[in-house]
Protein backbone atom coordinates (compact mmCIF):
# COMPACT_ATOMS: atom_id res chain seq x y z
CA MET A 1 126.48 92.89 92.18
CA LYS A 2 125.88 93.81 88.56
CA LEU A 3 123.23 96.45 87.95
CA SER A 4 121.29 96.58 84.73
CA LYS A 5 121.13 99.98 83.05
CA SER A 6 118.32 99.12 80.68
CA ILE A 7 116.08 96.73 82.60
CA LEU A 8 113.91 99.53 84.01
CA ASN A 9 113.81 101.79 80.98
CA ASP A 10 111.11 100.06 78.95
CA PHE A 11 108.56 102.67 79.99
CA ARG A 12 108.60 105.81 82.10
CA HIS A 13 106.83 105.93 85.43
CA ILE A 14 107.36 108.06 88.53
CA PRO A 15 107.35 105.81 91.65
CA ARG A 16 104.38 106.43 93.92
CA LYS A 17 105.11 106.53 97.65
CA ARG A 18 101.58 105.43 98.56
CA PHE A 19 102.20 102.16 96.72
CA GLY A 20 105.68 101.74 98.21
CA GLN A 21 107.23 101.49 94.75
CA HIS A 22 110.96 100.69 94.53
CA TRP A 23 112.14 98.94 91.37
CA LEU A 24 114.58 96.08 91.90
CA LYS A 25 117.36 96.50 89.32
CA ASP A 26 120.13 94.20 90.51
CA GLN A 27 120.65 91.24 88.20
CA TRP A 28 122.39 89.13 90.85
CA VAL A 29 119.44 89.48 93.25
CA LEU A 30 116.93 88.82 90.47
CA ASP A 31 118.80 85.63 89.61
CA LYS A 32 118.95 84.60 93.29
CA ILE A 33 115.18 85.03 93.60
CA THR A 34 114.47 83.00 90.48
CA LYS A 35 116.91 80.27 91.45
CA ALA A 36 115.46 79.96 94.97
CA ALA A 37 112.01 79.28 93.48
CA GLU A 38 113.35 76.18 91.66
CA LEU A 39 110.91 76.67 88.81
CA SER A 40 110.01 73.79 86.50
CA SER A 41 107.61 73.23 83.63
CA ASP A 42 104.98 72.10 86.15
CA ASP A 43 104.93 75.42 88.03
CA CYS A 44 102.35 78.17 87.76
CA VAL A 45 103.64 81.32 89.46
CA LEU A 46 101.92 84.30 91.06
CA GLU A 47 103.89 87.55 90.98
CA VAL A 48 102.60 90.29 93.27
CA GLY A 49 103.28 93.83 92.06
CA PRO A 50 105.35 93.24 88.90
CA GLY A 51 106.13 96.96 88.70
CA LYS A 52 108.13 97.59 85.54
CA GLY A 53 108.72 93.90 84.93
CA ALA A 54 112.36 93.25 85.88
CA LEU A 55 111.49 90.11 87.86
CA THR A 56 108.65 89.29 85.46
CA GLU A 57 111.13 89.02 82.62
CA LYS A 58 113.26 86.56 84.62
CA LEU A 59 110.18 84.47 85.46
CA ILE A 60 109.05 84.38 81.84
CA GLU A 61 112.53 83.28 80.78
CA SER A 62 112.49 80.47 83.36
CA GLN A 63 111.07 76.99 82.85
CA ALA A 64 107.83 77.95 84.64
CA ARG A 65 104.69 76.99 82.74
CA PHE A 66 102.75 80.19 83.43
CA ILE A 67 103.13 83.55 85.23
CA GLN A 68 100.11 85.36 86.68
CA GLY A 69 100.80 88.94 87.71
CA ILE A 70 98.63 91.20 89.87
CA GLU A 71 99.35 94.94 89.71
CA LEU A 72 97.46 97.78 91.41
CA ASP A 73 98.93 100.76 89.55
CA ARG A 74 96.98 101.18 86.30
CA ASP A 75 99.84 103.07 84.61
CA LEU A 76 102.15 100.14 85.30
CA VAL A 77 99.49 97.72 84.05
CA HIS A 78 99.48 99.55 80.73
CA GLY A 79 103.27 99.41 80.47
CA LEU A 80 103.47 95.73 81.47
CA LYS A 81 100.84 94.70 78.94
CA LYS A 82 102.67 96.63 76.24
CA ARG A 83 105.98 95.02 77.17
CA PHE A 84 104.79 91.41 77.57
CA SER A 85 101.65 91.19 75.43
CA HIS A 86 103.42 88.83 73.03
CA LYS A 87 104.28 86.36 75.81
CA ASN A 88 101.69 83.56 75.93
CA LYS A 89 102.85 82.32 79.33
CA PHE A 90 102.12 85.66 81.04
CA SER A 91 98.83 87.21 82.11
CA LEU A 92 98.13 90.30 84.19
CA LYS A 93 95.26 91.30 86.47
CA GLU A 94 94.71 94.89 87.53
CA GLY A 95 93.70 95.22 91.16
CA ASP A 96 94.59 95.04 94.83
CA VAL A 97 96.16 91.67 95.68
CA LEU A 98 94.49 91.82 99.10
CA SER A 99 91.03 91.77 97.56
CA VAL A 100 91.18 90.14 94.11
CA PRO A 101 91.02 86.36 93.61
CA LEU A 102 94.45 84.74 93.34
CA GLU A 103 93.50 82.22 90.67
CA ALA A 104 95.27 82.20 87.32
CA GLU A 105 93.14 83.66 84.55
CA ASN A 106 93.68 80.63 82.31
CA GLY A 107 92.40 78.16 84.92
CA LEU A 108 95.78 76.68 85.87
CA ILE A 109 96.49 76.06 89.55
CA ILE A 110 99.03 78.50 90.99
CA ASN A 111 101.49 76.63 93.20
CA LYS A 112 104.27 79.17 93.77
CA VAL A 113 104.56 82.86 94.63
CA VAL A 114 107.62 84.88 93.63
CA ALA A 115 107.55 88.60 94.33
CA ASN A 116 109.16 91.82 95.46
CA ILE A 117 106.23 92.59 97.74
CA PRO A 118 105.01 96.10 98.66
CA TYR A 119 106.42 96.69 102.14
CA ASN A 120 103.38 98.69 103.27
CA ILE A 121 101.10 95.62 103.01
CA THR A 122 103.51 92.91 104.20
CA GLY A 123 101.44 91.88 107.24
CA PRO A 124 98.03 91.43 105.58
CA LEU A 125 99.64 89.96 102.46
CA LEU A 126 101.41 87.24 104.47
CA LYS A 127 98.09 86.39 106.10
CA LYS A 128 96.45 86.03 102.70
CA LEU A 129 99.26 83.97 101.17
CA ILE A 130 100.11 81.74 104.15
CA GLY A 131 97.04 81.94 106.36
CA GLU A 132 96.74 82.62 110.08
CA LEU A 133 96.96 80.51 113.21
CA GLY A 134 93.19 80.47 113.41
CA LYS A 135 92.34 80.54 109.71
CA ALA A 136 93.50 78.55 106.67
CA PRO A 137 94.55 80.49 103.54
CA GLU A 138 92.16 80.67 100.59
CA MET A 139 94.84 78.93 98.48
CA ARG A 140 97.75 76.71 99.52
CA PHE A 141 101.08 77.35 97.84
CA GLU A 142 104.05 75.00 97.80
CA THR A 143 106.69 77.72 97.78
CA LEU A 144 106.94 81.46 98.28
CA VAL A 145 110.07 83.47 97.50
CA LEU A 146 109.54 86.98 98.82
CA LEU A 147 111.68 90.11 98.93
CA MET A 148 110.66 92.14 101.96
CA GLN A 149 111.93 94.64 104.50
CA LYS A 150 114.91 93.10 106.31
CA GLU A 151 113.54 93.96 109.74
CA VAL A 152 110.40 91.92 109.09
CA ALA A 153 112.34 89.06 107.49
CA GLU A 154 114.65 88.81 110.50
CA ARG A 155 111.64 88.55 112.80
CA ILE A 156 110.26 85.73 110.66
CA LEU A 157 113.59 83.87 110.69
CA ALA A 158 114.49 84.47 114.37
CA ILE A 159 115.29 81.67 116.80
CA PRO A 160 114.17 81.60 120.45
CA GLY A 161 116.18 84.00 122.57
CA ASN A 162 117.08 86.25 119.64
CA ARG A 163 116.13 89.90 120.04
CA ASN A 164 114.07 89.69 116.82
CA PHE A 165 111.94 86.79 118.09
CA SER A 166 108.31 87.95 118.28
CA ALA A 167 104.71 86.86 118.03
CA LEU A 168 105.14 87.09 114.22
CA THR A 169 107.99 84.56 114.48
CA VAL A 170 105.73 82.10 116.28
CA ARG A 171 102.86 82.58 113.82
CA ILE A 172 104.89 82.14 110.63
CA GLN A 173 107.15 79.32 111.86
CA LEU A 174 104.12 77.28 112.96
CA LEU A 175 102.69 77.67 109.45
CA ALA A 176 105.83 77.23 107.33
CA LYS A 177 109.52 76.44 107.11
CA CYS A 178 111.46 79.66 106.53
CA ILE A 179 114.93 79.96 104.94
CA ASP A 180 117.23 82.96 104.45
CA VAL A 181 118.15 83.49 100.77
CA CYS A 182 120.12 86.77 100.64
CA ASP A 183 120.37 90.35 101.86
CA VAL A 184 119.46 93.19 99.49
CA PRO A 185 120.97 96.64 100.18
CA PRO A 186 119.13 99.86 99.17
CA LYS A 187 121.44 100.46 96.18
CA CYS A 188 119.82 97.48 94.42
CA PHE A 189 116.62 99.48 93.93
CA GLN A 190 115.52 102.53 92.00
CA PRO A 191 114.73 104.71 93.86
CA SER A 192 116.71 103.45 96.86
CA PRO A 193 114.52 102.74 99.92
CA LYS A 194 115.57 103.97 103.34
CA VAL A 195 115.68 100.43 104.73
CA ASP A 196 117.61 97.23 104.01
CA SER A 197 115.80 94.29 102.45
CA LYS A 198 116.07 90.52 102.43
CA VAL A 199 114.86 87.64 100.29
CA ILE A 200 113.42 84.65 102.15
CA LEU A 201 112.09 81.28 101.05
CA ILE A 202 108.87 80.12 102.71
CA LYS A 203 107.64 76.53 102.43
CA PRO A 204 104.14 76.30 103.95
CA PHE A 205 103.23 73.09 105.76
CA LEU A 206 100.67 71.53 103.43
CA SER A 207 99.27 68.87 105.78
CA ILE A 208 97.85 70.79 108.71
CA ASN A 209 95.33 69.07 110.98
CA PRO A 210 91.98 70.91 111.18
CA ASP A 211 92.33 70.94 114.98
CA PHE A 212 95.37 73.19 114.49
CA TYR A 213 93.20 76.18 113.67
CA GLU A 214 90.97 75.71 116.73
CA ILE A 215 94.03 75.76 118.95
CA GLY A 216 95.45 78.57 116.82
CA VAL A 217 92.58 80.90 117.74
CA PHE A 218 93.39 80.29 121.39
CA LEU A 219 97.12 80.71 120.76
CA GLU A 220 96.60 84.11 119.12
CA LYS A 221 95.01 85.38 122.32
CA LEU A 222 97.83 83.90 124.37
CA LEU A 223 100.52 85.49 122.19
CA LYS A 224 98.82 88.86 122.35
CA LEU A 225 98.78 88.66 126.13
CA ALA A 226 102.38 87.45 126.49
CA PHE A 227 104.09 89.63 123.87
CA SER A 228 102.28 92.80 124.93
CA GLY A 229 104.90 92.77 127.69
CA ARG A 230 107.78 91.04 125.92
CA ARG A 231 110.25 92.34 128.52
CA LYS A 232 108.17 90.85 131.30
CA LYS A 233 108.58 87.34 132.62
CA LEU A 234 105.81 84.84 131.95
CA ARG A 235 104.82 84.85 135.61
CA ASN A 236 103.85 88.52 135.19
CA THR A 237 101.75 87.96 132.05
CA ILE A 238 100.26 84.46 132.02
CA GLY A 239 101.36 83.35 135.50
CA SER A 240 98.16 84.43 137.20
CA PHE A 241 96.14 81.60 135.66
CA VAL A 242 98.94 79.10 134.98
CA THR A 243 100.01 78.84 138.62
CA SER A 244 96.49 78.08 139.70
CA ASN A 245 96.20 74.97 137.56
CA ASP A 246 98.10 71.80 138.46
CA GLN A 247 97.79 70.36 134.92
CA ILE A 248 99.45 73.39 133.35
CA LYS A 249 102.18 73.45 135.99
CA GLU A 250 102.95 69.82 135.13
CA PHE A 251 103.07 70.76 131.45
CA PHE A 252 105.57 73.54 132.17
CA ALA A 253 107.77 71.18 134.14
CA PHE A 254 107.63 68.49 131.42
CA ARG A 255 108.54 70.95 128.67
CA GLY A 256 111.30 72.60 130.67
CA ILE A 257 109.56 75.98 130.60
CA SER A 258 110.00 78.37 133.50
CA LEU A 259 107.70 81.19 134.50
CA ASP A 260 110.89 83.22 134.92
CA GLN A 261 111.42 83.10 131.15
CA ARG A 262 110.31 85.84 128.77
CA PRO A 263 108.00 85.18 125.79
CA GLN A 264 110.79 85.42 123.19
CA GLU A 265 112.61 82.53 124.88
CA ILE A 266 109.84 79.99 124.21
CA SER A 267 109.99 78.02 120.94
CA PRO A 268 107.03 78.10 118.50
CA SER A 269 106.33 74.39 119.14
CA ASN A 270 106.22 74.99 122.89
CA TRP A 271 103.89 77.97 122.42
CA PHE A 272 101.52 75.76 120.44
CA ALA A 273 101.71 72.94 122.98
CA LEU A 274 101.07 75.41 125.77
CA ALA A 275 98.01 76.80 123.96
CA LYS A 276 96.71 73.25 123.49
CA ALA A 277 97.15 72.47 127.19
CA LEU A 278 95.50 75.72 128.22
CA LYS A 279 92.59 75.19 125.81
CA GLU A 280 91.85 71.90 127.56
CA SER A 281 91.97 73.48 131.01
CA CYS A 282 90.93 77.11 130.62
CA PHE A 283 88.61 79.36 128.67
CA TYR A 284 89.00 82.90 127.39
CA GLU A 285 86.35 85.43 128.37
CA ASN A 286 86.19 89.22 128.55
CA GLY A 287 89.84 89.59 127.60
CA SER A 288 91.26 87.19 130.17
CA PHE A 289 91.88 83.47 130.73
CA GLN A 290 89.94 81.59 133.40
CA CYS A 291 90.71 78.06 134.56
CA LYS A 292 87.86 75.56 134.48
């Protein structure tokens, strides 16, 4: 991997730990990120946390129509504006991406997100960009190419039975198709983080039935119950109300699910189907499920 010696030297800035700042400096990884986004002249891109602008420069050089950056660090905002002020296809907002509107400042519709995201806000940022099981996102994006902590990425990409499979796996895979792009070792950053990283491609499902979110609220409660004891068998977490309902027992038999399985062994589609069946037969009250 070829490292650029000059790409981060446009302006001086001491990385701030509270913002989780690590500058990506590896040209090969930057190119992989840009290529994965498949940018065309129709695309308007959101970049979260441009930092010193290494990825920003690649995005501006791409065929993308417009790049909207959002940066929290005011010192970096000053440096980015100085560096890219002459670029008509780039605009920058100062603020917290979790609270500011995600619209482009020139009125164009943002359809893709490409970013080296701050690891300390990965969870809430994914909720804002992709939505939740029980809540649609404020904006729907066609594609997201995100560099994140490898541990989190592997949970998102996990298959049933894998040790990384978790409630997060179920949530994200029910909302989007997720693809591994590449691993990113610590040496690709300045300063080097203490963890490995990974780039993943996320393609949100754009046609989601409104009923999905009603079932999703129920599913969130079910996942919280089941994965709170991920080493436990389903009969020890949800078995108390499942075994008392003939309809749910028939569902388990039809889907090939056993109460002797553990939560990480059940596919996202089966978790959703189970939540739908339970919603029709049970209700959630005072922290527990009760059959009707």
